[in-house]
N, C-alpha and C. Protein backbone atom coordinates (compact mmCIF):
# COMPACT_ATOMS: atom_id res chain seq x y z
N TRP A 1 -57.24 -37.06 -35.24
CA TRP A 1 -58.08 -36.51 -34.19
C TRP A 1 -57.26 -35.52 -33.39
N ASN A 2 -57.76 -34.33 -33.27
CA ASN A 2 -57.06 -33.30 -32.51
C ASN A 2 -57.86 -33.05 -31.23
N GLY A 3 -57.98 -34.09 -30.44
CA GLY A 3 -58.82 -34.00 -29.25
C GLY A 3 -58.02 -34.00 -27.97
N LEU A 4 -58.71 -33.74 -26.90
CA LEU A 4 -58.11 -33.67 -25.58
C LEU A 4 -59.12 -34.21 -24.59
N VAL A 5 -58.67 -35.10 -23.73
CA VAL A 5 -59.52 -35.60 -22.66
C VAL A 5 -58.88 -35.22 -21.34
N VAL A 6 -59.66 -34.61 -20.47
CA VAL A 6 -59.19 -34.24 -19.14
C VAL A 6 -60.01 -35.03 -18.14
N ASP A 7 -59.34 -35.75 -17.26
CA ASP A 7 -60.00 -36.64 -16.32
C ASP A 7 -59.67 -36.20 -14.90
N ALA A 8 -60.68 -36.05 -14.07
CA ALA A 8 -60.46 -35.67 -12.68
C ALA A 8 -61.43 -36.42 -11.78
N SER A 9 -61.12 -36.53 -10.51
CA SER A 9 -61.93 -37.29 -9.58
C SER A 9 -62.10 -36.52 -8.28
N ALA A 10 -63.30 -36.61 -7.69
CA ALA A 10 -63.56 -36.02 -6.38
C ALA A 10 -64.14 -37.11 -5.48
N HIS A 11 -63.66 -37.23 -4.27
CA HIS A 11 -64.09 -38.26 -3.32
C HIS A 11 -64.61 -37.57 -2.06
N TRP A 12 -65.83 -37.90 -1.69
CA TRP A 12 -66.46 -37.25 -0.55
C TRP A 12 -66.97 -38.28 0.45
N PRO A 13 -66.08 -38.80 1.33
CA PRO A 13 -66.54 -39.72 2.36
C PRO A 13 -67.32 -38.96 3.42
N GLY A 14 -68.35 -39.57 3.96
CA GLY A 14 -69.16 -38.91 4.99
C GLY A 14 -69.80 -37.65 4.48
N ALA A 15 -70.28 -37.66 3.23
CA ALA A 15 -70.80 -36.47 2.58
C ALA A 15 -71.89 -35.79 3.40
N HIS A 16 -72.79 -36.58 3.96
CA HIS A 16 -73.92 -35.98 4.69
C HIS A 16 -73.52 -35.44 6.06
N ARG A 17 -72.35 -35.81 6.52
CA ARG A 17 -71.88 -35.32 7.82
C ARG A 17 -70.88 -34.19 7.67
N GLY A 18 -70.82 -33.63 6.46
CA GLY A 18 -69.86 -32.55 6.24
C GLY A 18 -68.44 -33.05 6.12
N GLY A 19 -68.28 -34.32 5.69
CA GLY A 19 -66.95 -34.89 5.52
C GLY A 19 -66.12 -34.07 4.55
N GLU A 20 -64.83 -34.26 4.63
CA GLU A 20 -63.91 -33.49 3.80
C GLU A 20 -63.91 -34.00 2.37
N LEU A 21 -64.05 -33.11 1.42
CA LEU A 21 -63.97 -33.45 0.00
C LEU A 21 -62.51 -33.58 -0.36
N ARG A 22 -62.15 -34.75 -0.93
CA ARG A 22 -60.74 -34.99 -1.27
C ARG A 22 -60.61 -35.25 -2.76
N LEU A 23 -59.47 -34.92 -3.30
CA LEU A 23 -59.12 -35.25 -4.67
C LEU A 23 -58.12 -36.41 -4.56
N PRO A 24 -58.58 -37.67 -4.82
CA PRO A 24 -57.76 -38.84 -4.55
C PRO A 24 -56.56 -39.00 -5.46
N ARG A 25 -56.58 -38.37 -6.62
CA ARG A 25 -55.45 -38.44 -7.53
C ARG A 25 -55.40 -37.16 -8.33
N PRO A 26 -54.23 -36.82 -8.83
CA PRO A 26 -54.16 -35.60 -9.64
C PRO A 26 -54.93 -35.79 -10.94
N PRO A 27 -55.44 -34.71 -11.52
CA PRO A 27 -56.11 -34.81 -12.81
C PRO A 27 -55.15 -35.36 -13.86
N ARG A 28 -55.73 -36.01 -14.86
CA ARG A 28 -54.93 -36.62 -15.90
C ARG A 28 -55.37 -36.04 -17.24
N VAL A 29 -54.41 -35.63 -18.03
CA VAL A 29 -54.68 -35.09 -19.35
C VAL A 29 -54.16 -36.07 -20.39
N VAL A 30 -55.01 -36.43 -21.35
CA VAL A 30 -54.60 -37.30 -22.44
C VAL A 30 -54.61 -36.46 -23.70
N THR A 31 -53.43 -36.21 -24.25
CA THR A 31 -53.31 -35.38 -25.44
C THR A 31 -51.96 -35.66 -26.08
N GLU A 32 -51.72 -35.05 -27.20
CA GLU A 32 -50.41 -35.15 -27.82
C GLU A 32 -49.45 -34.24 -27.07
N GLY A 33 -48.20 -34.69 -26.93
CA GLY A 33 -47.21 -33.88 -26.23
C GLY A 33 -47.25 -34.15 -24.74
N ASP A 34 -46.25 -33.68 -24.05
CA ASP A 34 -46.15 -33.89 -22.61
C ASP A 34 -46.81 -32.75 -21.86
N PRO A 35 -47.56 -33.07 -20.79
CA PRO A 35 -48.12 -31.99 -19.97
C PRO A 35 -47.00 -31.28 -19.21
N ILE A 36 -47.26 -30.07 -18.81
CA ILE A 36 -46.29 -29.29 -18.05
C ILE A 36 -46.46 -29.65 -16.57
N PRO A 37 -45.40 -30.14 -15.92
CA PRO A 37 -45.53 -30.55 -14.52
C PRO A 37 -45.96 -29.39 -13.62
N HIS A 38 -46.78 -29.70 -12.64
CA HIS A 38 -47.21 -28.75 -11.61
C HIS A 38 -47.97 -27.55 -12.18
N GLU A 39 -48.58 -27.72 -13.33
CA GLU A 39 -49.36 -26.63 -13.91
C GLU A 39 -50.73 -27.17 -14.30
N ALA A 40 -51.76 -26.59 -13.73
CA ALA A 40 -53.13 -27.00 -14.04
C ALA A 40 -53.60 -26.32 -15.32
N THR A 41 -54.24 -27.09 -16.17
CA THR A 41 -54.79 -26.52 -17.39
C THR A 41 -56.23 -26.07 -17.13
N PRO A 42 -56.78 -25.20 -17.95
CA PRO A 42 -58.18 -24.83 -17.78
C PRO A 42 -59.11 -26.05 -17.84
N GLY A 43 -58.79 -27.02 -18.68
CA GLY A 43 -59.61 -28.24 -18.77
C GLY A 43 -59.60 -29.04 -17.48
N GLU A 44 -58.42 -29.14 -16.85
CA GLU A 44 -58.33 -29.85 -15.57
C GLU A 44 -59.17 -29.15 -14.51
N LEU A 45 -59.07 -27.83 -14.48
CA LEU A 45 -59.85 -27.07 -13.51
C LEU A 45 -61.35 -27.21 -13.76
N LEU A 46 -61.76 -27.25 -15.03
CA LEU A 46 -63.16 -27.43 -15.36
C LEU A 46 -63.66 -28.80 -14.92
N ALA A 47 -62.87 -29.85 -15.17
CA ALA A 47 -63.27 -31.20 -14.75
C ALA A 47 -63.39 -31.28 -13.23
N LEU A 48 -62.42 -30.71 -12.52
CA LEU A 48 -62.49 -30.70 -11.06
C LEU A 48 -63.71 -29.93 -10.56
N THR A 49 -63.95 -28.77 -11.15
CA THR A 49 -65.09 -27.95 -10.75
C THR A 49 -66.39 -28.70 -10.96
N HIS A 50 -66.54 -29.33 -12.11
CA HIS A 50 -67.77 -30.06 -12.38
C HIS A 50 -67.94 -31.22 -11.39
N GLY A 51 -66.86 -31.92 -11.09
CA GLY A 51 -66.93 -33.02 -10.13
C GLY A 51 -67.34 -32.56 -8.74
N VAL A 52 -66.77 -31.45 -8.30
CA VAL A 52 -67.10 -30.92 -6.98
C VAL A 52 -68.55 -30.43 -6.95
N PHE A 53 -68.98 -29.70 -7.99
CA PHE A 53 -70.37 -29.25 -8.05
C PHE A 53 -71.32 -30.44 -8.00
N LEU A 54 -71.05 -31.45 -8.83
CA LEU A 54 -71.95 -32.60 -8.89
C LEU A 54 -72.00 -33.32 -7.54
N ALA A 55 -70.85 -33.54 -6.93
CA ALA A 55 -70.83 -34.22 -5.62
C ALA A 55 -71.61 -33.44 -4.57
N SER A 56 -71.47 -32.13 -4.55
CA SER A 56 -72.18 -31.34 -3.54
C SER A 56 -73.69 -31.32 -3.80
N PHE A 57 -74.09 -31.18 -5.07
CA PHE A 57 -75.52 -31.19 -5.38
C PHE A 57 -76.13 -32.56 -5.12
N LEU A 58 -75.40 -33.63 -5.41
CA LEU A 58 -75.91 -34.97 -5.15
C LEU A 58 -76.05 -35.20 -3.65
N SER A 59 -75.04 -34.80 -2.88
CA SER A 59 -75.11 -34.95 -1.43
C SER A 59 -76.30 -34.20 -0.85
N GLU A 60 -76.49 -32.96 -1.29
CA GLU A 60 -77.61 -32.15 -0.80
C GLU A 60 -78.95 -32.77 -1.19
N GLY A 61 -79.08 -33.22 -2.44
CA GLY A 61 -80.33 -33.82 -2.90
C GLY A 61 -80.68 -35.09 -2.14
N LEU A 62 -79.69 -35.94 -1.91
CA LEU A 62 -79.94 -37.17 -1.16
C LEU A 62 -80.32 -36.87 0.29
N LEU A 63 -79.65 -35.90 0.89
CA LEU A 63 -79.96 -35.52 2.27
C LEU A 63 -81.39 -35.00 2.38
N LEU A 64 -81.78 -34.11 1.46
CA LEU A 64 -83.14 -33.55 1.48
C LEU A 64 -84.20 -34.61 1.21
N ALA A 65 -83.84 -35.66 0.47
CA ALA A 65 -84.79 -36.74 0.17
C ALA A 65 -84.85 -37.78 1.29
N GLY A 66 -84.04 -37.59 2.32
CA GLY A 66 -84.08 -38.50 3.46
C GLY A 66 -83.16 -39.70 3.34
N SER A 67 -82.25 -39.70 2.37
CA SER A 67 -81.29 -40.80 2.19
C SER A 67 -79.88 -40.22 2.08
N PRO A 68 -79.31 -39.75 3.19
CA PRO A 68 -77.98 -39.14 3.13
C PRO A 68 -76.92 -40.14 2.67
N ALA A 69 -75.97 -39.66 1.90
CA ALA A 69 -74.89 -40.50 1.38
C ALA A 69 -73.81 -40.71 2.43
N ASP A 70 -73.29 -41.92 2.49
CA ASP A 70 -72.13 -42.20 3.33
C ASP A 70 -70.84 -41.91 2.58
N GLU A 71 -70.91 -42.02 1.25
CA GLU A 71 -69.73 -41.77 0.43
C GLU A 71 -70.17 -41.47 -1.00
N ILE A 72 -69.49 -40.52 -1.64
CA ILE A 72 -69.73 -40.18 -3.04
C ILE A 72 -68.37 -40.04 -3.71
N VAL A 73 -68.20 -40.71 -4.84
CA VAL A 73 -66.99 -40.59 -5.65
C VAL A 73 -67.42 -40.21 -7.05
N VAL A 74 -66.90 -39.10 -7.56
CA VAL A 74 -67.27 -38.61 -8.88
C VAL A 74 -66.01 -38.55 -9.75
N ASP A 75 -66.06 -39.25 -10.88
CA ASP A 75 -65.00 -39.17 -11.88
C ASP A 75 -65.55 -38.42 -13.08
N VAL A 76 -64.84 -37.42 -13.53
CA VAL A 76 -65.30 -36.57 -14.63
C VAL A 76 -64.23 -36.54 -15.72
N ALA A 77 -64.67 -36.69 -16.95
CA ALA A 77 -63.78 -36.52 -18.10
C ALA A 77 -64.38 -35.45 -18.99
N CYS A 78 -63.64 -34.38 -19.23
CA CYS A 78 -64.06 -33.32 -20.14
C CYS A 78 -63.37 -33.58 -21.48
N ILE A 79 -64.14 -33.58 -22.55
CA ILE A 79 -63.62 -33.85 -23.88
C ILE A 79 -63.65 -32.56 -24.68
N PHE A 80 -62.49 -32.20 -25.23
CA PHE A 80 -62.32 -30.98 -26.01
C PHE A 80 -61.86 -31.35 -27.42
N VAL A 81 -62.17 -30.53 -28.39
CA VAL A 81 -61.64 -30.72 -29.75
C VAL A 81 -61.10 -29.40 -30.26
N GLY A 82 -60.19 -29.52 -31.22
CA GLY A 82 -59.64 -28.34 -31.88
C GLY A 82 -58.29 -27.96 -31.33
N PRO A 83 -57.56 -27.17 -32.11
CA PRO A 83 -56.27 -26.66 -31.63
C PRO A 83 -56.49 -25.69 -30.48
N VAL A 84 -55.47 -25.50 -29.68
CA VAL A 84 -55.58 -24.72 -28.45
C VAL A 84 -56.31 -23.38 -28.62
N PRO A 85 -55.97 -22.57 -29.61
CA PRO A 85 -56.64 -21.26 -29.69
C PRO A 85 -58.15 -21.35 -29.94
N GLU A 86 -58.60 -22.43 -30.59
CA GLU A 86 -60.03 -22.57 -30.89
C GLU A 86 -60.67 -23.75 -30.16
N ARG A 87 -60.00 -24.32 -29.18
CA ARG A 87 -60.48 -25.53 -28.50
C ARG A 87 -61.88 -25.30 -27.91
N SER A 88 -62.73 -26.32 -28.06
CA SER A 88 -64.07 -26.21 -27.48
C SER A 88 -64.45 -27.49 -26.76
N LEU A 89 -65.22 -27.33 -25.71
CA LEU A 89 -65.72 -28.45 -24.91
C LEU A 89 -66.85 -29.12 -25.69
N THR A 90 -66.72 -30.43 -25.93
CA THR A 90 -67.74 -31.14 -26.71
C THR A 90 -68.54 -32.12 -25.88
N ALA A 91 -68.03 -32.54 -24.72
CA ALA A 91 -68.76 -33.50 -23.88
C ALA A 91 -68.16 -33.52 -22.48
N ILE A 92 -69.00 -33.91 -21.53
CA ILE A 92 -68.54 -34.16 -20.17
C ILE A 92 -69.07 -35.53 -19.78
N ASP A 93 -68.15 -36.49 -19.60
CA ASP A 93 -68.52 -37.83 -19.16
C ASP A 93 -68.39 -37.90 -17.65
N VAL A 94 -69.38 -38.52 -17.01
CA VAL A 94 -69.42 -38.58 -15.55
C VAL A 94 -69.68 -40.01 -15.10
N HIS A 95 -68.91 -40.46 -14.12
CA HIS A 95 -69.14 -41.74 -13.47
C HIS A 95 -69.20 -41.48 -11.97
N VAL A 96 -70.34 -41.81 -11.36
CA VAL A 96 -70.55 -41.56 -9.94
C VAL A 96 -70.73 -42.89 -9.23
N ARG A 97 -69.98 -43.07 -8.15
CA ARG A 97 -70.17 -44.23 -7.27
C ARG A 97 -70.60 -43.69 -5.92
N GLY A 98 -71.62 -44.28 -5.35
CA GLY A 98 -72.10 -43.81 -4.06
C GLY A 98 -72.41 -44.95 -3.13
N ARG A 99 -72.32 -44.67 -1.86
CA ARG A 99 -72.72 -45.61 -0.82
C ARG A 99 -73.82 -44.89 -0.03
N VAL A 100 -75.06 -45.38 -0.19
CA VAL A 100 -76.22 -44.71 0.40
C VAL A 100 -77.14 -45.77 0.99
N SER A 101 -77.33 -45.75 2.29
CA SER A 101 -78.20 -46.73 2.95
C SER A 101 -79.66 -46.49 2.58
N GLY A 102 -80.38 -47.56 2.33
CA GLY A 102 -81.83 -47.48 2.13
C GLY A 102 -82.27 -46.87 0.81
N LEU A 103 -81.41 -46.85 -0.19
CA LEU A 103 -81.77 -46.25 -1.46
C LEU A 103 -81.58 -47.28 -2.57
N GLY A 104 -82.53 -47.36 -3.48
CA GLY A 104 -82.44 -48.29 -4.59
C GLY A 104 -81.62 -47.73 -5.74
N GLU A 105 -81.20 -48.63 -6.63
CA GLU A 105 -80.36 -48.26 -7.78
C GLU A 105 -81.03 -47.22 -8.67
N GLU A 106 -82.32 -47.40 -8.97
CA GLU A 106 -83.01 -46.45 -9.85
C GLU A 106 -83.13 -45.07 -9.21
N SER A 107 -83.43 -45.01 -7.93
CA SER A 107 -83.51 -43.72 -7.24
C SER A 107 -82.16 -43.02 -7.22
N PHE A 108 -81.09 -43.81 -7.07
CA PHE A 108 -79.76 -43.23 -7.08
C PHE A 108 -79.44 -42.65 -8.46
N ARG A 109 -79.75 -43.41 -9.52
CA ARG A 109 -79.52 -42.91 -10.89
C ARG A 109 -80.28 -41.62 -11.13
N ASP A 110 -81.54 -41.56 -10.67
CA ASP A 110 -82.34 -40.34 -10.84
C ASP A 110 -81.70 -39.16 -10.10
N ALA A 111 -81.21 -39.41 -8.89
CA ALA A 111 -80.58 -38.35 -8.10
C ALA A 111 -79.29 -37.86 -8.78
N VAL A 112 -78.53 -38.77 -9.36
CA VAL A 112 -77.30 -38.40 -10.06
C VAL A 112 -77.63 -37.57 -11.30
N ALA A 113 -78.65 -37.98 -12.06
CA ALA A 113 -79.05 -37.23 -13.26
C ALA A 113 -79.48 -35.81 -12.91
N THR A 114 -80.24 -35.66 -11.83
CA THR A 114 -80.67 -34.34 -11.38
C THR A 114 -79.46 -33.50 -10.95
N ALA A 115 -78.55 -34.11 -10.21
CA ALA A 115 -77.35 -33.39 -9.76
C ALA A 115 -76.49 -32.97 -10.95
N ARG A 116 -76.42 -33.80 -11.98
CA ARG A 116 -75.63 -33.45 -13.17
C ARG A 116 -76.20 -32.20 -13.83
N LEU A 117 -77.53 -32.15 -13.98
CA LEU A 117 -78.15 -30.96 -14.57
C LEU A 117 -77.87 -29.71 -13.75
N ARG A 118 -77.98 -29.83 -12.43
CA ARG A 118 -77.72 -28.69 -11.56
C ARG A 118 -76.26 -28.25 -11.66
N ALA A 119 -75.34 -29.23 -11.74
CA ALA A 119 -73.92 -28.90 -11.85
C ALA A 119 -73.61 -28.21 -13.17
N LEU A 120 -74.20 -28.69 -14.26
CA LEU A 120 -74.00 -28.05 -15.56
C LEU A 120 -74.49 -26.61 -15.52
N ARG A 121 -75.69 -26.42 -14.98
CA ARG A 121 -76.28 -25.08 -14.89
C ARG A 121 -75.39 -24.16 -14.05
N SER A 122 -74.91 -24.65 -12.92
CA SER A 122 -74.09 -23.83 -12.02
C SER A 122 -72.75 -23.47 -12.64
N ALA A 123 -72.23 -24.35 -13.49
CA ALA A 123 -70.94 -24.09 -14.14
C ALA A 123 -71.10 -23.25 -15.39
N GLY A 124 -72.33 -22.90 -15.74
CA GLY A 124 -72.56 -22.08 -16.93
C GLY A 124 -72.53 -22.87 -18.22
N ALA A 125 -72.62 -24.20 -18.12
CA ALA A 125 -72.61 -25.04 -19.32
C ALA A 125 -74.04 -25.27 -19.81
N ARG A 126 -74.15 -25.63 -21.08
CA ARG A 126 -75.46 -25.96 -21.63
C ARG A 126 -75.97 -27.24 -20.98
N GLU A 127 -77.24 -27.29 -20.66
CA GLU A 127 -77.82 -28.49 -20.05
C GLU A 127 -77.88 -29.64 -21.04
N ASP A 128 -77.84 -29.36 -22.33
CA ASP A 128 -77.89 -30.42 -23.34
C ASP A 128 -76.49 -30.84 -23.80
N LEU A 129 -75.46 -30.46 -23.06
CA LEU A 129 -74.09 -30.84 -23.40
C LEU A 129 -74.00 -32.36 -23.36
N PRO A 130 -73.53 -32.99 -24.44
CA PRO A 130 -73.47 -34.45 -24.46
C PRO A 130 -72.49 -34.99 -23.44
N GLY A 131 -72.61 -36.27 -23.20
CA GLY A 131 -71.68 -36.96 -22.30
C GLY A 131 -72.32 -38.17 -21.68
N GLU A 132 -71.48 -39.15 -21.37
CA GLU A 132 -71.96 -40.35 -20.70
C GLU A 132 -72.25 -40.04 -19.24
N LEU A 133 -73.26 -40.72 -18.72
CA LEU A 133 -73.59 -40.59 -17.31
C LEU A 133 -73.77 -42.00 -16.75
N GLN A 134 -72.89 -42.37 -15.83
CA GLN A 134 -72.97 -43.67 -15.19
C GLN A 134 -73.13 -43.46 -13.70
N ALA A 135 -74.02 -44.23 -13.10
CA ALA A 135 -74.24 -44.15 -11.66
C ALA A 135 -74.20 -45.57 -11.10
N GLU A 136 -73.38 -45.75 -10.09
CA GLU A 136 -73.20 -47.07 -9.49
C GLU A 136 -73.41 -46.96 -7.98
N LEU A 137 -74.36 -47.70 -7.48
CA LEU A 137 -74.65 -47.70 -6.05
C LEU A 137 -73.91 -48.88 -5.42
N ALA A 138 -72.98 -48.59 -4.54
CA ALA A 138 -72.20 -49.63 -3.87
C ALA A 138 -72.99 -50.18 -2.69
N PRO A 139 -72.76 -51.45 -2.38
CA PRO A 139 -73.45 -52.03 -1.20
C PRO A 139 -73.00 -51.34 0.08
N THR A 140 -73.90 -51.22 1.01
CA THR A 140 -73.57 -50.62 2.31
C THR A 140 -73.32 -51.72 3.31
N ALA A 141 -72.50 -51.41 4.29
CA ALA A 141 -72.17 -52.39 5.33
C ALA A 141 -73.37 -52.59 6.24
N GLY A 142 -73.54 -53.82 6.66
CA GLY A 142 -74.60 -54.12 7.63
C GLY A 142 -75.81 -54.51 6.95
């Protein structure tokens, strides 16, 4: 297998209040050979971009629907195949965890699916690009 997985995460506490978007850990590349320290690859940047787009579209969608998010965490893995000169993106896996008062699990999953489509479109990717989509609604305090 001549594949590459790029994993990145975006954390948005207080999303509906304009909270600061943070990257809680550096992107991780799983491939043959050692990554070059302090150098971002195009795959890492793509994973980060998709995570940020998805988090912002999800936050906006929840706010407009009357259920603003208290926290959104998006983990994205971009899967590539082929040698570097011909490498192509084959899938984007997404795992979203959110803390949203007054919202049910199914409504949250629907909002995440809609945000994923908007993020793909905004990034210039095909809307039918394969990939896992997981949405997890965390319990809210109180």
